[in-house]
Each structure stands twice: as C-alpha cells, then as structure tokens.
Amino acid sequence: MSDALTHPHRPVTRTFLAKVFAIAGRGIAEKINAKFATLEARIVQLEQRPVVKYVGTHVSGMKYSEANLCTRSGSLWIATCETSSTPGESDGWKLVVKRGAA
C-alpha cells in the first residue's frame, strides 16, 4: 500500500503540509503554521538548556560548567552554576546522592 506521506522519496515537509492545507482551507494552514512556530520556539528554548554531563571525580581548582556532575568523597554533586569551588563547601554545588545512600 503506497502512501504519499510516508513514501521514502517524498518526505513530509512544512511546505508540503502548508500546500495541502491551503487547498483544504486557509484557516487550517494558519493553525498548522502557528503550531509549528510554537514548537520550533520550544525546541530552541530546550536546546539552550545546559547539558547534564558526568565529568568524573572532583579535581581541586578545575573549572566546572553548570550541570556538570562529579563525585567527591563517595557522593555525587551537580554544579548549579559555573564554578571552580569544592562540592559541599560553596553554594555552587548541590548534593545529588549522599555517600552510601544510593
């Protein structure tokens, strides 16, 4: 069964959908375009969030980015901002898992 929307040589694009809905009615096309714009804005917003990344055992004096995870004395910590401080000794870190509590 062939379906033009899933045909491998005819990918569904925003332009294609806009043309289809323009035929069906301008109101529908405008609603679809508005939804696409909302979703695209949300994707941009999500992509700007810091990426959570485990960077290993804490190294004194090393610069850590927001959302970096590291271990120190058996506990897991996450950086709440860019910091080169020691986990547990400043507001730049938040305890995720306490040693022995996993």
PDB file of N, CA and C in Angstrom:
ATOM      1  N   MET A   1       0.852  -1.176   0.000  1.00  0.00           N
ATOM      2  CA  MET A   1       0.000   0.000   0.000  1.00  0.00           C
ATOM      3  C   MET A   1       0.892   1.231   0.000  1.00  0.00           C
ATOM      4  N   SER A   2       0.744   2.064  -0.975  1.00  0.00           N
ATOM      5  CA  SER A   2       1.580   3.256  -1.097  1.00  0.00           C
ATOM      6  C   SER A   2       0.895   4.457  -0.455  1.00  0.00           C
ATOM      7  N   ASP A   3       1.672   5.174   0.326  1.00  0.00           N
ATOM      8  CA  ASP A   3       1.153   6.375   0.993  1.00  0.00           C
ATOM      9  C   ASP A   3       2.114   7.512   0.686  1.00  0.00           C
ATOM     10  N   ALA A   4       1.627   8.563   0.041  1.00  0.00           N
ATOM     11  CA  ALA A   4       2.487   9.682  -0.368  1.00  0.00           C
ATOM     12  C   ALA A   4       3.152  10.341   0.826  1.00  0.00           C
ATOM     13  N   LEU A   5       2.500  10.307   1.991  1.00  0.00           N
ATOM     14  CA  LEU A   5       3.066  10.968   3.167  1.00  0.00           C
ATOM     15  C   LEU A   5       4.252  10.198   3.747  1.00  0.00           C
ATOM     16  N   THR A   6       4.318   8.891   3.505  1.00  0.00           N
ATOM     17  CA  THR A   6       5.413   8.103   4.056  1.00  0.00           C
ATOM     18  C   THR A   6       6.336   7.555   2.974  1.00  0.00           C
ATOM     19  N   HIS A   7       6.102   7.933   1.760  1.00  0.00           N
ATOM     20  CA  HIS A   7       6.943   7.473   0.660  1.00  0.00           C
ATOM     21  C   HIS A   7       8.374   7.952   0.900  1.00  0.00           C
ATOM     22  N   PRO A   8       9.380   7.064   0.773  1.00  0.00           N
ATOM     23  CA  PRO A   8      10.763   7.456   1.088  1.00  0.00           C
ATOM     24  C   PRO A   8      11.324   8.564   0.190  1.00  0.00           C
ATOM     25  N   HIS A   9      10.766   8.759  -0.980  1.00  0.00           N
ATOM     26  CA  HIS A   9      11.273   9.794  -1.886  1.00  0.00           C
ATOM     27  C   HIS A   9      10.478  11.093  -1.781  1.00  0.00           C
ATOM     28  N   ARG A  10       9.469  11.094  -0.940  1.00  0.00           N
ATOM     29  CA  ARG A  10       8.640  12.284  -0.750  1.00  0.00           C
ATOM     30  C   ARG A  10       8.476  12.561   0.745  1.00  0.00           C
ATOM     31  N   PRO A  11       9.491  13.074   1.389  1.00  0.00           N
ATOM     32  CA  PRO A  11       9.360  13.345   2.820  1.00  0.00           C
ATOM     33  C   PRO A  11       8.348  14.458   3.073  1.00  0.00           C
ATOM     34  N   VAL A  12       7.658  14.344   4.180  1.00  0.00           N
ATOM     35  CA  VAL A  12       6.691  15.367   4.555  1.00  0.00           C
ATOM     36  C   VAL A  12       7.463  16.577   5.062  1.00  0.00           C
ATOM     37  N   THR A  13       7.229  17.707   4.448  1.00  0.00           N
ATOM     38  CA  THR A  13       7.885  18.941   4.862  1.00  0.00           C
ATOM     39  C   THR A  13       6.832  19.946   5.283  1.00  0.00           C
ATOM     40  N   ARG A  14       7.268  20.965   5.948  1.00  0.00           N
ATOM     41  CA  ARG A  14       6.368  22.029   6.368  1.00  0.00           C
ATOM     42  C   ARG A  14       5.714  22.683   5.144  1.00  0.00           C
ATOM     43  N   THR A  15       6.486  22.876   4.096  1.00  0.00           N
ATOM     44  CA  THR A  15       5.967  23.483   2.869  1.00  0.00           C
ATOM     45  C   THR A  15       4.889  22.601   2.249  1.00  0.00           C
ATOM     46  N   PHE A  16       5.162  21.308   2.186  1.00  0.00           N
ATOM     47  CA  PHE A  16       4.193  20.364   1.630  1.00  0.00           C
ATOM     48  C   PHE A  16       2.884  20.409   2.412  1.00  0.00           C
ATOM     49  N   LEU A  17       2.967  20.354   3.747  1.00  0.00           N
ATOM     50  CA  LEU A  17       1.767  20.393   4.572  1.00  0.00           C
ATOM     51  C   LEU A  17       1.024  21.713   4.400  1.00  0.00           C
ATOM     52  N   ALA A  18       1.765  22.807   4.306  1.00  0.00           N
ATOM     53  CA  ALA A  18       1.126  24.110   4.105  1.00  0.00           C
ATOM     54  C   ALA A  18       0.336  24.135   2.796  1.00  0.00           C
ATOM     55  N   LYS A  19       0.907  23.541   1.738  1.00  0.00           N
ATOM     56  CA  LYS A  19       0.203  23.495   0.451  1.00  0.00           C
ATOM     57  C   LYS A  19      -1.050  22.637   0.541  1.00  0.00           C
ATOM     58  N   VAL A  20      -0.940  21.493   1.206  1.00  0.00           N
ATOM     59  CA  VAL A  20      -2.097  20.599   1.350  1.00  0.00           C
ATOM     60  C   VAL A  20      -3.213  21.312   2.102  1.00  0.00           C
ATOM     61  N   PHE A  21      -2.852  21.950   3.195  1.00  0.00           N
ATOM     62  CA  PHE A  21      -3.880  22.611   3.993  1.00  0.00           C
ATOM     63  C   PHE A  21      -4.385  23.895   3.352  1.00  0.00           C
ATOM     64  N   ALA A  22      -3.584  24.505   2.491  1.00  0.00           N
ATOM     65  CA  ALA A  22      -4.065  25.679   1.746  1.00  0.00           C
ATOM     66  C   ALA A  22      -5.188  25.267   0.816  1.00  0.00           C
ATOM     67  N   ILE A  23      -5.070  24.084   0.274  1.00  0.00           N
ATOM     68  CA  ILE A  23      -6.124  23.561  -0.589  1.00  0.00           C
ATOM     69  C   ILE A  23      -7.379  23.267   0.245  1.00  0.00           C
ATOM     70  N   ALA A  24      -7.189  22.696   1.419  1.00  0.00           N
ATOM     71  CA  ALA A  24      -8.310  22.343   2.287  1.00  0.00           C
ATOM     72  C   ALA A  24      -8.943  23.564   2.940  1.00  0.00           C
ATOM     73  N   GLY A  25      -8.194  24.603   3.068  1.00  0.00           N
ATOM     74  CA  GLY A  25      -8.730  25.820   3.681  1.00  0.00           C
ATOM     75  C   GLY A  25      -7.633  26.614   4.355  1.00  0.00           C
ATOM     76  N   ARG A  26      -7.630  27.910   4.155  1.00  0.00           N
ATOM     77  CA  ARG A  26      -6.590  28.787   4.707  1.00  0.00           C
ATOM     78  C   ARG A  26      -6.541  28.739   6.227  1.00  0.00           C
ATOM     79  N   GLY A  27      -7.678  28.601   6.867  1.00  0.00           N
ATOM     80  CA  GLY A  27      -7.727  28.588   8.329  1.00  0.00           C
ATOM     81  C   GLY A  27      -6.921  27.452   8.922  1.00  0.00           C
ATOM     82  N   ILE A  28      -7.025  26.289   8.312  1.00  0.00           N
ATOM     83  CA  ILE A  28      -6.283  25.124   8.800  1.00  0.00           C
ATOM     84  C   ILE A  28      -4.787  25.351   8.624  1.00  0.00           C
ATOM     85  N   ALA A  29      -4.368  25.859   7.473  1.00  0.00           N
ATOM     86  CA  ALA A  29      -2.943  26.110   7.215  1.00  0.00           C
ATOM     87  C   ALA A  29      -2.375  27.098   8.226  1.00  0.00           C
ATOM     88  N   GLU A  30      -3.137  28.133   8.543  1.00  0.00           N
ATOM     89  CA  GLU A  30      -2.673  29.128   9.510  1.00  0.00           C
ATOM     90  C   GLU A  30      -2.506  28.517  10.897  1.00  0.00           C
ATOM     91  N   LYS A  31      -3.424  27.640  11.271  1.00  0.00           N
ATOM     92  CA  LYS A  31      -3.322  26.973  12.575  1.00  0.00           C
ATOM     93  C   LYS A  31      -2.105  26.045  12.630  1.00  0.00           C
ATOM     94  N   ILE A  32      -1.885  25.314  11.556  1.00  0.00           N
ATOM     95  CA  ILE A  32      -0.723  24.413  11.498  1.00  0.00           C
ATOM     96  C   ILE A  32       0.568  25.222  11.568  1.00  0.00           C
ATOM     97  N   ASN A  33       0.670  26.302  10.806  1.00  0.00           N
ATOM     98  CA  ASN A  33       1.871  27.143  10.836  1.00  0.00           C
ATOM     99  C   ASN A  33       2.098  27.741  12.218  1.00  0.00           C
ATOM    100  N   ALA A  34       1.035  28.131  12.900  1.00  0.00           N
ATOM    101  CA  ALA A  34       1.166  28.676  14.255  1.00  0.00           C
ATOM    102  C   ALA A  34       1.687  27.611  15.209  1.00  0.00           C
ATOM    103  N   LYS A  35       1.203  26.380  15.075  1.00  0.00           N
ATOM    104  CA  LYS A  35       1.681  25.277  15.927  1.00  0.00           C
ATOM    105  C   LYS A  35       3.152  24.982  15.649  1.00  0.00           C
ATOM    106  N   PHE A  36       3.535  24.962  14.375  1.00  0.00           N
ATOM    107  CA  PHE A  36       4.942  24.747  14.023  1.00  0.00           C
ATOM    108  C   PHE A  36       5.823  25.834  14.648  1.00  0.00           C
ATOM    109  N   ALA A  37       5.387  27.075  14.571  1.00  0.00           N
ATOM    110  CA  ALA A  37       6.169  28.181  15.136  1.00  0.00           C
ATOM    111  C   ALA A  37       6.328  28.011  16.640  1.00  0.00           C
ATOM    112  N   THR A  38       5.256  27.594  17.317  1.00  0.00           N
ATOM    113  CA  THR A  38       5.314  27.358  18.757  1.00  0.00           C
ATOM    114  C   THR A  38       6.294  26.230  19.080  1.00  0.00           C
ATOM    115  N   LEU A  39       6.198  25.140  18.334  1.00  0.00           N
ATOM    116  CA  LEU A  39       7.094  24.003  18.569  1.00  0.00           C
ATOM    117  C   LEU A  39       8.550  24.353  18.272  1.00  0.00           C
ATOM    118  N   GLU A  40       8.798  25.087  17.203  1.00  0.00           N
ATOM    119  CA  GLU A  40      10.163  25.494  16.866  1.00  0.00           C
ATOM    120  C   GLU A  40      10.744  26.391  17.956  1.00  0.00           C
ATOM    121  N   ALA A  41       9.945  27.293  18.508  1.00  0.00           N
ATOM    122  CA  ALA A  41      10.417  28.159  19.593  1.00  0.00           C
ATOM    123  C   ALA A  41      10.746  27.333  20.832  1.00  0.00           C
ATOM    124  N   ARG A  42       9.931  26.322  21.118  1.00  0.00           N
ATOM    125  CA  ARG A  42      10.179  25.449  22.277  1.00  0.00           C
ATOM    126  C   ARG A  42      11.457  24.640  22.088  1.00  0.00           C
ATOM    127  N   ILE A  43      11.705  24.173  20.881  1.00  0.00           N
ATOM    128  CA  ILE A  43      12.932  23.420  20.597  1.00  0.00           C
ATOM    129  C   ILE A  43      14.154  24.300  20.834  1.00  0.00           C
ATOM    130  N   VAL A  44      14.113  25.534  20.360  1.00  0.00           N
ATOM    131  CA  VAL A  44      15.226  26.471  20.574  1.00  0.00           C
ATOM    132  C   VAL A  44      15.454  26.663  22.070  1.00  0.00           C
ATOM    133  N   GLN A  45      14.380  26.843  22.813  1.00  0.00           N
ATOM    134  CA  GLN A  45      14.474  27.041  24.258  1.00  0.00           C
ATOM    135  C   GLN A  45      15.099  25.824  24.941  1.00  0.00           C
ATOM    136  N   LEU A  46      14.672  24.629  24.562  1.00  0.00           N
ATOM    137  CA  LEU A  46      15.214  23.412  25.165  1.00  0.00           C
ATOM    138  C   LEU A  46      16.683  23.201  24.816  1.00  0.00           C
ATOM    139  N   GLU A  47      17.063  23.539  23.592  1.00  0.00           N
ATOM    140  CA  GLU A  47      18.452  23.357  23.173  1.00  0.00           C
ATOM    141  C   GLU A  47      19.408  24.325  23.871  1.00  0.00           C
ATOM    142  N   GLN A  48      18.885  25.399  24.460  1.00  0.00           N
ATOM    143  CA  GLN A  48      19.724  26.357  25.167  1.00  0.00           C
ATOM    144  C   GLN A  48      19.979  25.943  26.621  1.00  0.00           C
ATOM    145  N   ARG A  49      19.285  24.947  27.094  1.00  0.00           N
ATOM    146  CA  ARG A  49      19.492  24.459  28.456  1.00  0.00           C
ATOM    147  C   ARG A  49      20.868  23.817  28.574  1.00  0.00           C
ATOM    148  N   PRO A  50      21.472  23.893  29.766  1.00  0.00           N
ATOM    149  CA  PRO A  50      22.758  23.225  29.945  1.00  0.00           C
ATOM    150  C   PRO A  50      22.591  21.698  29.881  1.00  0.00           C
ATOM    151  N   VAL A  51      23.594  21.031  29.367  1.00  0.00           N
ATOM    152  CA  VAL A  51      23.564  19.581  29.228  1.00  0.00           C
ATOM    153  C   VAL A  51      24.169  18.944  30.480  1.00  0.00           C
ATOM    154  N   VAL A  52      23.435  18.023  31.091  1.00  0.00           N
ATOM    155  CA  VAL A  52      23.933  17.305  32.264  1.00  0.00           C
ATOM    156  C   VAL A  52      24.995  16.326  31.782  1.00  0.00           C
ATOM    157  N   LYS A  53      26.193  16.423  32.404  1.00  0.00           N
ATOM    158  CA  LYS A  53      27.321  15.603  31.960  1.00  0.00           C
ATOM    159  C   LYS A  53      28.161  15.184  33.163  1.00  0.00           C
ATOM    160  N   TYR A  54      28.412  13.885  33.280  1.00  0.00           N
ATOM    161  CA  TYR A  54      29.285  13.394  34.347  1.00  0.00           C
ATOM    162  C   TYR A  54      30.727  13.609  33.912  1.00  0.00           C
ATOM    163  N   VAL A  55      31.507  14.279  34.765  1.00  0.00           N
ATOM    164  CA  VAL A  55      32.896  14.615  34.407  1.00  0.00           C
ATOM    165  C   VAL A  55      33.926  13.916  35.279  1.00  0.00           C
ATOM    166  N   GLY A  56      33.482  12.962  36.106  1.00  0.00           N
ATOM    167  CA  GLY A  56      34.424  12.175  36.897  1.00  0.00           C
ATOM    168  C   GLY A  56      34.573  12.678  38.324  1.00  0.00           C
ATOM    169  N   THR A  57      35.691  12.283  38.935  1.00  0.00           N
ATOM    170  CA  THR A  57      35.996  12.670  40.309  1.00  0.00           C
ATOM    171  C   THR A  57      36.419  14.132  40.357  1.00  0.00           C
ATOM    172  N   HIS A  58      35.975  14.842  41.382  1.00  0.00           N
ATOM    173  CA  HIS A  58      36.285  16.268  41.521  1.00  0.00           C
ATOM    174  C   HIS A  58      37.797  16.492  41.571  1.00  0.00           C
ATOM    175  N   VAL A  59      38.251  17.493  40.827  1.00  0.00           N
ATOM    176  CA  VAL A  59      39.658  17.909  40.807  1.00  0.00           C
ATOM    177  C   VAL A  59      39.700  19.333  41.349  1.00  0.00           C
ATOM    178  N   SER A  60      40.436  19.535  42.430  1.00  0.00           N
ATOM    179  CA  SER A  60      40.522  20.851  43.061  1.00  0.00           C
ATOM    180  C   SER A  60      41.033  21.903  42.078  1.00  0.00           C
ATOM    181  N   GLY A  61      40.342  23.046  42.022  1.00  0.00           N
ATOM    182  CA  GLY A  61      40.742  24.152  41.159  1.00  0.00           C
ATOM    183  C   GLY A  61      40.253  24.059  39.724  1.00  0.00           C
ATOM    184  N   MET A  62      39.696  22.912  39.337  1.00  0.00           N
ATOM    185  CA  MET A  62      39.203  22.745  37.967  1.00  0.00           C
ATOM    186  C   MET A  62      37.913  23.544  37.785  1.00  0.00           C
ATOM    187  N   LYS A  63      37.722  24.107  36.582  1.00  0.00           N
ATOM    188  CA  LYS A  63      36.511  24.876  36.282  1.00  0.00           C
ATOM    189  C   LYS A  63      35.418  23.920  35.810  1.00  0.00           C
ATOM    190  N   TYR A  64      34.246  23.993  36.460  1.00  0.00           N
ATOM    191  CA  TYR A  64      33.106  23.162  36.116  1.00  0.00           C
ATOM    192  C   TYR A  64      31.992  24.033  35.557  1.00  0.00           C
ATOM    193  N   SER A  65      31.314  23.537  34.540  1.00  0.00           N
ATOM    194  CA  SER A  65      30.183  24.240  33.937  1.00  0.00           C
ATOM    195  C   SER A  65      28.905  23.870  34.671  1.00  0.00           C
ATOM    196  N   GLU A  66      27.886  24.738  34.527  1.00  0.00           N
ATOM    197  CA  GLU A  66      26.578  24.424  35.098  1.00  0.00           C
ATOM    198  C   GLU A  66      26.110  23.074  34.568  1.00  0.00           C
ATOM    199  N   ALA A  67      25.559  22.258  35.448  1.00  0.00           N
ATOM    200  CA  ALA A  67      25.016  20.925  35.152  1.00  0.00           C
ATOM    201  C   ALA A  67      26.085  19.842  35.050  1.00  0.00           C
ATOM    202  N   ASN A  68      27.349  20.152  35.328  1.00  0.00           N
ATOM    203  CA  ASN A  68      28.367  19.105  35.401  1.00  0.00           C
ATOM    204  C   ASN A  68      28.150  18.300  36.678  1.00  0.00           C
ATOM    205  N   LEU A  69      28.273  16.999  36.570  1.00  0.00           N
ATOM    206  CA  LEU A  69      28.189  16.099  37.715  1.00  0.00           C
ATOM    207  C   LEU A  69      29.580  15.604  38.048  1.00  0.00           C
ATOM    208  N   CYS A  70      29.907  15.521  39.334  1.00  0.00           N
ATOM    209  CA  CYS A  70      31.182  14.922  39.729  1.00  0.00           C
ATOM    210  C   CYS A  70      31.009  14.213  41.061  1.00  0.00           C
ATOM    211  N   THR A  71      31.946  13.339  41.357  1.00  0.00           N
ATOM    212  CA  THR A  71      31.926  12.661  42.644  1.00  0.00           C
ATOM    213  C   THR A  71      33.027  13.242  43.523  1.00  0.00           C
ATOM    214  N   ARG A  72      32.726  13.296  44.828  1.00  0.00           N
ATOM    215  CA  ARG A  72      33.714  13.734  45.820  1.00  0.00           C
ATOM    216  C   ARG A  72      33.402  13.002  47.112  1.00  0.00           C
ATOM    217  N   SER A  73      34.377  12.303  47.640  1.00  0.00           N
ATOM    218  CA  SER A  73      34.230  11.538  48.887  1.00  0.00           C
ATOM    219  C   SER A  73      33.047  10.576  48.828  1.00  0.00           C
ATOM    220  N   GLY A  74      32.819   9.987  47.667  1.00  0.00           N
ATOM    221  CA  GLY A  74      31.765   8.993  47.508  1.00  0.00           C
ATOM    222  C   GLY A  74      30.382   9.549  47.243  1.00  0.00           C
ATOM    223  N   SER A  75      30.222  10.877  47.239  1.00  0.00           N
ATOM    224  CA  SER A  75      28.922  11.496  46.971  1.00  0.00           C
ATOM    225  C   SER A  75      28.906  12.079  45.565  1.00  0.00           C
ATOM    226  N   LEU A  76      27.711  12.180  45.001  1.00  0.00           N
ATOM    227  CA  LEU A  76      27.539  12.745  43.659  1.00  0.00           C
ATOM    228  C   LEU A  76      26.999  14.160  43.794  1.00  0.00           C
ATOM    229  N   TRP A  77      27.622  15.102  43.085  1.00  0.00           N
ATOM    230  CA  TRP A  77      27.272  16.519  43.151  1.00  0.00           C
ATOM    231  C   TRP A  77      27.007  17.052  41.753  1.00  0.00           C
ATOM    232  N   ILE A  78      26.114  18.079  41.675  1.00  0.00           N
ATOM    233  CA  ILE A  78      25.855  18.755  40.405  1.00  0.00           C
ATOM    234  C   ILE A  78      26.155  20.239  40.585  1.00  0.00           C
ATOM    235  N   ALA A  79      26.858  20.810  39.596  1.00  0.00           N
ATOM    236  CA  ALA A  79      27.178  22.234  39.630  1.00  0.00           C
ATOM    237  C   ALA A  79      25.917  23.019  39.271  1.00  0.00           C
ATOM    238  N   THR A  80      25.560  24.004  40.110  1.00  0.00           N
ATOM    239  CA  THR A  80      24.368  24.817  39.863  1.00  0.00           C
ATOM    240  C   THR A  80      24.705  26.080  39.075  1.00  0.00           C
ATOM    241  N   CYS A  81      25.983  26.311  38.856  1.00  0.00           N
ATOM    242  CA  CYS A  81      26.472  27.444  38.069  1.00  0.00           C
ATOM    243  C   CYS A  81      27.919  27.131  37.696  1.00  0.00           C
ATOM    244  N   GLU A  82      28.536  27.963  36.865  1.00  0.00           N
ATOM    245  CA  GLU A  82      29.952  27.761  36.565  1.00  0.00           C
ATOM    246  C   GLU A  82      30.740  28.000  37.846  1.00  0.00           C
ATOM    247  N   THR A  83      31.624  27.067  38.192  1.00  0.00           N
ATOM    248  CA  THR A  83      32.339  27.161  39.457  1.00  0.00           C
ATOM    249  C   THR A  83      33.668  26.411  39.414  1.00  0.00           C
ATOM    250  N   SER A  84      34.582  26.848  40.244  1.00  0.00           N
ATOM    251  CA  SER A  84      35.825  26.093  40.451  1.00  0.00           C
ATOM    252  C   SER A  84      35.990  25.791  41.944  1.00  0.00           C
ATOM    253  N   SER A  85      34.894  25.927  42.695  1.00  0.00           N
ATOM    254  CA  SER A  85      34.905  25.641  44.123  1.00  0.00           C
ATOM    255  C   SER A  85      34.773  24.143  44.374  1.00  0.00           C
ATOM    256  N   THR A  86      34.858  23.761  45.634  1.00  0.00           N
ATOM    257  CA  THR A  86      34.783  22.361  46.033  1.00  0.00           C
ATOM    258  C   THR A  86      33.354  22.012  46.424  1.00  0.00           C
ATOM    259  N   PRO A  87      32.832  20.891  45.912  1.00  0.00           N
ATOM    260  CA  PRO A  87      31.476  20.479  46.286  1.00  0.00           C
ATOM    261  C   PRO A  87      31.336  20.342  47.799  1.00  0.00           C
ATOM    262  N   GLY A  88      30.222  20.855  48.318  1.00  0.00           N
ATOM    263  CA  GLY A  88      29.966  20.783  49.746  1.00  0.00           C
ATOM    264  C   GLY A  88      30.519  21.958  50.523  1.00  0.00           C
ATOM    265  N   GLU A  89      31.321  22.788  49.849  1.00  0.00           N
ATOM    266  CA  GLU A  89      31.943  23.920  50.529  1.00  0.00           C
ATOM    267  C   GLU A  89      31.497  25.261  49.955  1.00  0.00           C
ATOM    268  N   SER A  90      30.538  25.250  49.019  1.00  0.00           N
ATOM    269  CA  SER A  90      30.047  26.500  48.435  1.00  0.00           C
ATOM    270  C   SER A  90      28.628  26.299  47.918  1.00  0.00           C
ATOM    271  N   ASP A  91      27.984  27.407  47.562  1.00  0.00           N
ATOM    272  CA  ASP A  91      26.628  27.353  47.014  1.00  0.00           C
ATOM    273  C   ASP A  91      26.606  26.948  45.543  1.00  0.00           C
ATOM    274  N   GLY A  92      27.773  26.757  44.928  1.00  0.00           N
ATOM    275  CA  GLY A  92      27.852  26.398  43.518  1.00  0.00           C
ATOM    276  C   GLY A  92      27.571  24.932  43.241  1.00  0.00           C
ATOM    277  N   TRP A  93      27.316  24.170  44.281  1.00  0.00           N
ATOM    278  CA  TRP A  93      27.080  22.733  44.131  1.00  0.00           C
ATOM    279  C   TRP A  93      25.837  22.312  44.896  1.00  0.00           C
ATOM    280  N   LYS A  94      25.180  21.267  44.393  1.00  0.00           N
ATOM    281  CA  LYS A  94      24.032  20.675  45.089  1.00  0.00           C
ATOM    282  C   LYS A  94      24.252  19.170  45.169  1.00  0.00           C
ATOM    283  N   LEU A  95      24.030  18.631  46.348  1.00  0.00           N
ATOM    284  CA  LEU A  95      24.192  17.195  46.566  1.00  0.00           C
ATOM    285  C   LEU A  95      23.081  16.432  45.847  1.00  0.00           C
ATOM    286  N   VAL A  96      23.474  15.435  45.034  1.00  0.00           N
ATOM    287  CA  VAL A  96      22.510  14.622  44.298  1.00  0.00           C
ATOM    288  C   VAL A  96      22.289  13.306  45.042  1.00  0.00           C
ATOM    289  N   VAL A  97      23.392  12.609  45.353  1.00  0.00           N
ATOM    290  CA  VAL A  97      23.325  11.337  46.086  1.00  0.00           C
ATOM    291  C   VAL A  97      24.398  11.352  47.167  1.00  0.00           C
ATOM    292  N   LYS A  98      23.950  11.184  48.416  1.00  0.00           N
ATOM    293  CA  LYS A  98      24.880  11.162  49.544  1.00  0.00           C
ATOM    294  C   LYS A  98      25.590   9.820  49.590  1.00  0.00           C
ATOM    295  N   ARG A  99      26.829   9.845  49.962  1.00  0.00           N
ATOM    296  CA  ARG A  99      27.648   8.647  50.052  1.00  0.00           C
ATOM    297  C   ARG A  99      26.907   7.564  50.837  1.00  0.00           C
ATOM    298  N   GLY A 100      26.808   6.377  50.222  1.00  0.00           N
ATOM    299  CA  GLY A 100      26.180   5.251  50.874  1.00  0.00           C
ATOM    300  C   GLY A 100      24.648   5.277  50.851  1.00  0.00           C
ATOM    301  N   ALA A 101      24.065   6.275  50.198  1.00  0.00           N
ATOM    302  CA  ALA A 101      22.609   6.410  50.205  1.00  0.00           C
ATOM    303  C   ALA A 101      21.961   6.026  48.874  1.00  0.00           C
ATOM    304  N   ALA A 102      22.716   5.481  47.956  1.00  0.00           N
ATOM    305  CA  ALA A 102      22.173   5.192  46.625  1.00  0.00           C
ATOM    306  C   ALA A 102      21.201   4.050  46.622  1.00  0.00           C
TER     307      ALA A 102
END
